[in-house]
Protein backbone atom coordinates (compact mmCIF):
# COMPACT_ATOMS: atom_id res chain seq x y z
CA MET A 1 0.27 0.07 0.17
CA ARG A 2 1.18 3.39 -0.86
CA PHE A 3 0.53 6.47 1.06
CA GLU A 4 0.82 10.12 -0.01
CA PHE A 5 0.30 13.55 1.65
CA LYS A 6 -1.16 16.04 -0.65
CA PRO A 7 -0.30 19.77 -0.53
CA SER A 8 -3.87 20.90 0.50
CA PHE A 9 -3.03 18.72 3.83
CA ASP A 10 0.12 20.22 4.88
CA ARG A 11 -1.55 23.35 3.96
CA SER A 12 -4.27 22.56 6.37
CA LEU A 13 -2.02 21.90 9.23
CA LYS A 14 -0.60 25.58 9.19
CA SER A 15 -3.91 26.33 10.91
CA TYR A 16 -3.33 24.37 13.87
CA ARG A 17 -0.65 25.16 16.68
CA GLY A 18 1.33 22.86 19.19
CA ARG A 19 -0.02 19.80 20.53
CA GLU A 20 -3.13 19.58 18.55
CA LYS A 21 -0.81 19.92 15.54
CA GLU A 22 0.78 16.97 16.73
CA GLU A 23 -2.10 14.78 17.39
CA ILE A 24 -3.32 15.44 13.92
CA LYS A 25 0.26 13.97 12.93
CA GLU A 26 -0.15 11.17 15.11
CA SER A 27 -3.69 10.02 14.04
CA ALA A 28 -2.47 10.52 10.33
CA LEU A 29 0.71 7.87 11.30
CA GLN A 30 -1.95 5.54 13.24
CA ALA A 31 -4.12 5.13 9.82
CA ILE A 32 -1.38 4.77 7.98
CA GLU A 33 -0.52 1.38 10.51
CA ILE A 34 -4.20 0.67 10.91
CA LEU A 35 -4.82 0.57 6.60
CA SER A 36 -1.15 -1.00 6.07
CA HIS A 37 -1.12 -3.53 8.46
CA ASP A 38 -5.30 -4.48 8.76
CA ARG A 39 -4.69 -3.48 12.19
CA ALA A 40 -7.89 -2.98 15.02
CA LEU A 41 -8.59 0.82 15.29
CA HIS A 42 -6.90 2.40 18.52
CA GLU A 43 -9.26 4.07 21.23
CA GLY A 44 -10.03 7.52 20.11
CA VAL A 45 -9.93 6.82 16.20
CA GLY A 46 -12.79 7.11 14.12
CA LEU A 47 -12.75 5.82 10.89
CA LYS A 48 -15.29 6.18 8.37
CA ARG A 49 -16.36 5.91 4.46
CA LEU A 50 -17.88 9.35 3.61
CA LYS A 51 -18.55 9.77 0.03
CA GLY A 52 -17.46 7.55 -2.67
CA ASP A 53 -13.07 6.49 -2.36
CA PHE A 54 -13.31 9.33 0.56
CA TRP A 55 -12.97 8.29 4.00
CA GLU A 56 -11.82 10.16 7.22
CA VAL A 57 -10.44 9.60 10.68
CA ARG A 58 -11.13 11.41 13.72
CA LYS A 59 -9.19 12.39 16.89
CA GLY A 60 -11.38 13.36 19.21
CA LEU A 61 -14.30 15.50 18.66
CA LYS A 62 -12.82 18.41 16.38
CA ALA A 63 -9.70 17.05 14.77
CA ARG A 64 -10.62 15.08 11.66
CA ILE A 65 -8.65 14.16 8.51
CA LEU A 66 -9.77 13.42 5.26
CA PHE A 67 -8.40 10.99 2.61
CA LYS A 68 -8.79 9.13 -0.55
CA TRP A 69 -8.37 5.60 -0.73
CA GLN A 70 -8.41 3.83 -4.31
CA GLY A 71 -7.08 0.51 -4.90
CA ASP A 72 -3.90 0.17 -3.64
CA LEU A 73 -3.01 4.33 -2.69
CA VAL A 74 -4.39 6.35 0.15
CA GLU A 75 -3.66 10.26 -0.19
CA PHE A 76 -4.18 12.55 2.88
CA VAL A 77 -6.14 15.28 1.62
CA LEU A 78 -7.16 17.59 4.50
CA ALA A 79 -6.94 17.84 8.14
CA GLY A 80 -10.16 19.97 9.92
CA ASP A 81 -13.18 20.03 11.53
CA HIS A 82 -16.43 18.77 10.61
CA ASN A 83 -17.37 21.90 8.45
CA ASP A 84 -14.08 21.96 6.65
CA ILE A 85 -14.72 18.76 5.47
CA ARG A 86 -17.99 19.00 4.57
CA ARG A 87 -17.11 21.93 2.25
CA TYR A 88 -14.45 20.12 0.75
CA LEU A 89 -16.87 17.20 -0.06
CA HIS A 90 -19.34 19.64 -1.22
CA LYS A 91 -16.74 21.10 -3.83
CA ILE A 92 -16.43 17.94 -5.39
């Protein structure tokens, strides 16, 4: 399985500071671990299919990571809250 972080994901991380930014990065790494090794979900991490090939990983109540999963490629697209994810999916 291949993993890619899109420039939009890196840009979306700039709005976060300190510990919150680190938690989002940790959640992305946990998602990679789960998807690449077919492991059980870690406590507090929610994995959910949203629309078509788009999925989200939730870390707590606010932080979410949107990624696109097609075949053996997982592209991390955006980090944000519920509204950020909704707006992005509405545009496509």
